[in-house]
Amino acid sequence: MAPGLDIEELMDAAWAAADREEHAGWVLRAASGVTQRANSVWPREPGTDPHLLSSALREARLWYRKRRLPLIFQVFDDPRSAPLNALLDEEGFTRQSETLILVRDGGTQVPATGGVEVSETPTPEWLQLWWSVDGRGGDTDLAVARGILEACPSLYALVREDGGEPAAVGRLSLPPEAAGAAGGLYCMATRPDARRRGCAARILQALLLEGEARGATYFWLLVMASNTGARDLYTRAGFRPAGRYLYRQERPKRHLTGC
């Protein structure tokens, strides 16, 4: 990790939920159910005392129940998380969406690439392509997602192919907490019929160059552990593993019926 930077804090800032509250060292986040990350508990300080953990879990349940959302934790692979994981195991929480945190230092010979459009706001074309690949829901959910993106200063890259049609997009978040020293890559999405043409690599290269031009010396990104294709792309670009996390979701309670 870059000196003086907390990767968990930067990740939270890069994908910020408008509805949030901190309780007992846990950050409770909600955004109308749009994306797991923005609707999960970030245990900033996971805690060790079993009684305090149980109390915090009860408070979290109530907080999400009021918002009609499932209770989900974003738990990092860290020895500090062991007591929390033990409690969630006892409570029957699932384990899902294992995600790797990859990092890369700046100034390591990123090849220049042309034909990539970069803007400071997500254009309608950018949003439409990203949402068509990664989105879940309709226009209302997309509006919530846009609010999440625009809550953090960012750069948005778009590549066109096939006579000008958007083919791939990506986002570089530049959290103020990093004071310009670090950027996070998000929303890497390629139109299904435009894959394996190097579009994602062009997006990645352009965002790294733009970030370095603004003073960033450290980059991170998140990728599903199961996505071997994306992991290969990022490894070739010089990214290396720095951690991982997964989501732990409370199983829905079954209600008794008359049958």
Protein backbone atom coordinates (compact mmCIF):
# COMPACT_ATOMS: atom_id res chain seq x y z
CA MET A 1 0.00 0.00 0.00
CA ALA A 2 1.22 3.51 -0.75
CA PRO A 3 2.58 5.29 2.35
CA GLY A 4 -0.07 7.20 4.28
CA LEU A 5 -3.01 5.77 2.31
CA ASP A 6 -5.69 3.40 3.62
CA ILE A 7 -6.99 1.25 0.75
CA GLU A 8 -10.27 0.46 2.51
CA GLU A 9 -10.95 4.15 3.10
CA LEU A 10 -10.17 4.98 -0.52
CA MET A 11 -12.44 2.21 -1.77
CA ASP A 12 -15.27 3.50 0.40
CA ALA A 13 -14.78 7.04 -0.91
CA ALA A 14 -14.62 5.89 -4.52
CA TRP A 15 -18.02 4.19 -4.29
CA ALA A 16 -19.84 6.25 -1.72
CA ALA A 17 -23.41 5.60 -0.60
CA ALA A 18 -25.43 8.73 0.15
CA ASP A 19 -27.17 7.08 3.11
CA ARG A 20 -24.55 6.14 5.68
CA GLU A 21 -24.06 6.02 9.41
CA GLU A 22 -21.19 4.85 11.60
CA HIS A 23 -21.92 2.72 14.65
CA ALA A 24 -19.43 0.93 16.91
CA GLY A 25 -16.70 1.18 14.27
CA TRP A 26 -18.93 -0.16 11.48
CA VAL A 27 -19.98 2.03 8.55
CA LEU A 28 -23.56 1.21 7.53
CA ARG A 29 -24.20 2.11 3.88
CA ALA A 30 -27.35 2.14 1.78
CA ALA A 31 -28.25 3.26 -1.75
CA SER A 32 -31.73 1.88 -2.52
CA GLY A 33 -30.26 -1.59 -3.09
CA VAL A 34 -28.10 -0.51 -6.07
CA THR A 35 -24.85 -2.55 -5.95
CA GLN A 36 -23.69 -4.71 -3.04
CA ARG A 37 -20.83 -2.38 -2.17
CA ALA A 38 -23.05 0.66 -1.61
CA ASN A 39 -25.56 -1.39 0.40
CA SER A 40 -23.28 -3.21 2.78
CA VAL A 41 -21.62 -2.80 6.15
CA TRP A 42 -17.97 -1.82 6.01
CA PRO A 43 -16.47 -2.96 9.33
CA ARG A 44 -13.91 -0.20 9.55
CA GLU A 45 -13.05 -1.58 13.00
CA PRO A 46 -14.33 -5.19 13.00
CA GLY A 47 -14.11 -5.57 16.78
CA THR A 48 -13.17 -8.48 19.02
CA ASP A 49 -15.50 -8.47 22.03
CA PRO A 50 -18.30 -11.05 21.45
CA HIS A 51 -20.90 -9.04 23.39
CA LEU A 52 -20.12 -5.80 21.55
CA LEU A 53 -20.16 -7.63 18.22
CA SER A 54 -23.57 -9.15 18.94
CA SER A 55 -24.92 -5.74 19.96
CA ALA A 56 -23.55 -4.09 16.82
CA LEU A 57 -25.07 -6.85 14.69
CA ARG A 58 -28.51 -6.23 16.23
CA GLU A 59 -28.22 -2.50 15.49
CA ALA A 60 -27.17 -3.21 11.90
CA ARG A 61 -30.15 -5.53 11.41
CA LEU A 62 -32.54 -2.82 12.56
CA TRP A 63 -30.87 -0.17 10.38
CA TYR A 64 -31.21 -2.22 7.18
CA ARG A 65 -34.66 -3.51 8.09
CA LYS A 66 -35.92 0.09 8.27
CA ARG A 67 -34.66 0.53 4.71
CA ARG A 68 -36.13 -2.77 3.52
CA LEU A 69 -32.69 -4.01 2.53
CA PRO A 70 -30.89 -7.29 3.27
CA LEU A 71 -28.06 -7.20 5.77
CA ILE A 72 -24.76 -7.63 3.90
CA PHE A 73 -21.19 -7.26 5.15
CA GLN A 74 -18.14 -6.45 3.05
CA VAL A 75 -15.52 -8.43 4.98
CA PHE A 76 -11.84 -8.05 4.16
CA ASP A 77 -9.40 -10.95 4.36
CA ASP A 78 -7.62 -9.73 7.47
CA PRO A 79 -6.83 -11.42 10.81
CA ARG A 80 -8.82 -8.63 12.49
CA SER A 81 -11.96 -9.99 10.81
CA ALA A 82 -11.73 -13.43 12.46
CA PRO A 83 -14.09 -12.69 15.41
CA LEU A 84 -16.64 -11.07 13.09
CA ASN A 85 -16.47 -13.98 10.65
CA ALA A 86 -16.99 -16.41 13.53
CA LEU A 87 -20.15 -14.55 14.58
CA LEU A 88 -21.46 -14.42 11.01
CA ASP A 89 -20.79 -18.14 10.66
CA GLU A 90 -22.86 -18.79 13.78
CA GLU A 91 -25.65 -16.63 12.37
CA GLY A 92 -25.63 -18.50 9.05
CA PHE A 93 -24.48 -15.65 6.80
CA THR A 94 -23.54 -16.72 3.27
CA ARG A 95 -20.14 -16.19 1.63
CA GLN A 96 -20.29 -14.80 -1.91
CA SER A 97 -18.61 -12.66 -4.57
CA GLU A 98 -14.97 -13.16 -3.58
CA THR A 99 -13.13 -10.13 -4.94
CA LEU A 100 -9.42 -9.47 -5.36
CA ILE A 101 -7.79 -6.09 -4.72
CA LEU A 102 -5.01 -5.46 -7.24
CA VAL A 103 -2.56 -2.56 -7.09
CA ARG A 104 0.02 -0.98 -9.35
CA ASP A 105 2.60 1.77 -8.93
CA GLY A 106 2.60 4.68 -11.33
CA GLY A 107 5.41 5.65 -13.68
CA THR A 108 5.95 2.17 -15.07
CA GLN A 109 5.82 2.68 -18.82
CA VAL A 110 2.20 2.69 -19.86
CA PRO A 111 2.05 2.58 -23.67
CA ALA A 112 0.23 5.52 -25.18
CA THR A 113 -3.05 4.77 -26.86
CA GLY A 114 -5.20 6.83 -29.19
CA GLY A 115 -8.86 7.15 -29.93
CA VAL A 116 -10.03 7.07 -26.30
CA GLU A 117 -12.46 9.77 -25.20
CA VAL A 118 -11.94 10.93 -21.61
CA SER A 119 -14.31 13.22 -19.74
CA GLU A 120 -14.87 14.35 -16.15
CA THR A 121 -18.54 13.36 -16.16
CA PRO A 122 -20.27 10.19 -17.34
CA THR A 123 -21.94 10.95 -20.67
CA PRO A 124 -25.29 9.35 -21.57
CA GLU A 125 -23.45 6.99 -23.96
CA TRP A 126 -20.96 6.02 -21.25
CA LEU A 127 -23.74 5.33 -18.77
CA GLN A 128 -25.83 3.37 -21.25
CA LEU A 129 -22.99 1.02 -22.17
CA TRP A 130 -21.81 0.47 -18.60
CA TRP A 131 -25.33 -0.18 -17.34
CA SER A 132 -26.13 -2.54 -20.20
CA VAL A 133 -23.14 -4.70 -19.20
CA ASP A 134 -23.01 -4.40 -15.40
CA GLY A 135 -26.30 -2.82 -14.38
CA ARG A 136 -29.21 -4.38 -12.53
CA GLY A 137 -32.49 -2.54 -12.86
CA GLY A 138 -34.14 0.25 -14.83
CA ASP A 139 -33.80 4.01 -15.13
CA THR A 140 -34.49 4.67 -11.44
CA ASP A 141 -31.66 2.37 -10.38
CA LEU A 142 -29.37 3.88 -13.01
CA ALA A 143 -30.03 7.34 -11.54
CA VAL A 144 -28.97 6.04 -8.11
CA ALA A 145 -25.86 4.47 -9.64
CA ARG A 146 -24.97 7.74 -11.34
CA GLY A 147 -25.21 9.49 -7.96
CA ILE A 148 -22.75 6.96 -6.53
CA LEU A 149 -20.29 7.58 -9.37
CA GLU A 150 -20.51 11.36 -9.24
CA ALA A 151 -20.06 11.50 -5.47
CA CYS A 152 -16.32 11.06 -6.08
CA PRO A 153 -14.26 13.10 -8.59
CA SER A 154 -13.53 10.77 -11.48
CA LEU A 155 -12.48 10.43 -15.10
CA TYR A 156 -14.58 8.47 -17.59
CA ALA A 157 -13.08 6.79 -20.66
CA LEU A 158 -14.91 5.52 -23.74
CA VAL A 159 -13.69 3.68 -26.86
CA ARG A 160 -15.69 3.55 -30.08
CA GLU A 161 -15.68 0.89 -32.80
CA ASP A 162 -18.01 -0.31 -35.55
CA GLY A 163 -18.58 3.05 -37.16
CA GLY A 164 -18.59 5.07 -33.98
CA GLU A 165 -20.59 2.85 -31.65
CA PRO A 166 -19.42 2.83 -28.00
CA ALA A 167 -17.51 -0.42 -27.45
CA ALA A 168 -15.93 -0.15 -23.99
CA VAL A 169 -15.88 2.15 -20.98
CA GLY A 170 -14.03 2.57 -17.69
CA ARG A 171 -13.80 4.96 -14.75
CA LEU A 172 -10.86 6.25 -12.73
CA SER A 173 -11.93 7.52 -9.32
CA LEU A 174 -9.73 10.18 -7.71
CA PRO A 175 -10.83 10.39 -4.08
CA PRO A 176 -9.95 13.66 -2.35
CA GLU A 177 -8.77 11.55 0.59
CA ALA A 178 -5.81 10.50 -1.57
CA ALA A 179 -4.80 14.13 -2.21
CA GLY A 180 -4.16 13.28 -5.86
CA ALA A 181 -1.72 10.48 -5.06
CA ALA A 182 -3.94 7.49 -5.92
CA GLY A 183 -6.72 6.45 -8.26
CA GLY A 184 -9.08 3.51 -8.41
CA LEU A 185 -10.23 1.82 -11.61
CA TYR A 186 -13.91 0.90 -11.74
CA CYS A 187 -16.71 0.15 -14.20
CA MET A 188 -14.53 -1.60 -16.76
CA ALA A 189 -17.14 -2.84 -19.23
CA THR A 190 -16.97 -3.98 -22.85
CA ARG A 191 -19.91 -4.59 -25.15
CA PRO A 192 -20.22 -8.38 -25.54
CA ASP A 193 -19.81 -8.36 -29.32
CA ALA A 194 -16.74 -6.06 -29.09
CA ARG A 195 -14.70 -8.25 -26.76
CA ARG A 196 -11.25 -9.65 -27.55
CA ARG A 197 -10.36 -6.67 -29.72
CA GLY A 198 -8.15 -4.88 -27.19
CA CYS A 199 -10.77 -2.30 -26.20
CA ALA A 200 -10.44 -2.91 -22.47
CA ALA A 201 -6.65 -2.62 -22.68
CA ARG A 202 -6.99 0.75 -24.44
CA ILE A 203 -9.36 2.00 -21.74
CA LEU A 204 -7.01 0.82 -19.01
CA GLN A 205 -3.95 2.43 -20.60
CA ALA A 206 -5.72 5.73 -21.19
CA LEU A 207 -6.97 5.98 -17.60
CA LEU A 208 -3.56 5.13 -16.15
CA LEU A 209 -1.94 7.82 -18.30
CA GLU A 210 -4.59 10.39 -17.36
CA GLY A 211 -4.18 9.52 -13.69
CA GLU A 212 -0.40 9.88 -13.84
CA ALA A 213 -0.78 13.21 -15.63
CA ARG A 214 -2.77 14.39 -12.59
CA GLY A 215 -0.09 13.23 -10.17
CA ALA A 216 -1.31 9.74 -9.21
CA THR A 217 1.54 7.41 -8.26
CA TYR A 218 -0.57 4.48 -7.09
CA PHE A 219 -3.57 2.68 -8.59
CA TRP A 220 -5.94 0.00 -7.40
CA LEU A 221 -8.77 -1.98 -8.92
CA LEU A 222 -11.20 -4.71 -7.91
CA VAL A 223 -11.87 -7.89 -9.86
CA MET A 224 -13.92 -10.98 -9.15
CA ALA A 225 -11.65 -13.90 -8.26
CA SER A 226 -13.54 -16.02 -10.79
CA ASN A 227 -12.93 -13.60 -13.70
CA THR A 228 -9.74 -15.11 -15.10
CA GLY A 229 -9.87 -13.12 -18.33
CA ALA A 230 -9.90 -9.76 -16.56
CA ARG A 231 -7.26 -10.91 -14.10
CA ASP A 232 -4.95 -11.79 -17.00
CA LEU A 233 -5.47 -8.34 -18.53
CA TYR A 234 -4.62 -6.59 -15.27
CA THR A 235 -1.58 -8.79 -14.62
CA ARG A 236 -0.20 -7.90 -18.04
CA ALA A 237 -0.72 -4.24 -17.15
CA GLY A 238 1.46 -4.62 -14.05
CA PHE A 239 -1.15 -5.05 -11.34
CA ARG A 240 -0.37 -7.33 -8.41
CA PRO A 241 -2.51 -8.79 -5.59
CA ALA A 242 -2.78 -6.71 -2.41
CA GLY A 243 -5.78 -8.23 -0.63
CA ARG A 244 -9.26 -9.61 -1.03
CA TYR A 245 -12.74 -9.42 0.42
CA LEU A 246 -16.07 -11.15 0.11
CA TYR A 247 -19.68 -10.36 0.89
CA ARG A 248 -21.51 -12.08 3.70
CA GLN A 249 -25.30 -11.88 3.48
CA GLU A 250 -27.91 -12.83 6.00
CA ARG A 251 -30.09 -15.67 4.80
CA PRO A 252 -33.77 -14.67 4.46
CA LYS A 253 -35.96 -15.98 7.25
CA ARG A 254 -38.62 -18.43 6.11
CA HIS A 255 -42.11 -17.70 7.33
CA LEU A 256 -44.39 -20.53 8.40
CA THR A 257 -47.41 -21.20 6.20
CA GLY A 258 -50.66 -23.02 6.73
CA CYS A 259 -49.54 -25.95 4.56
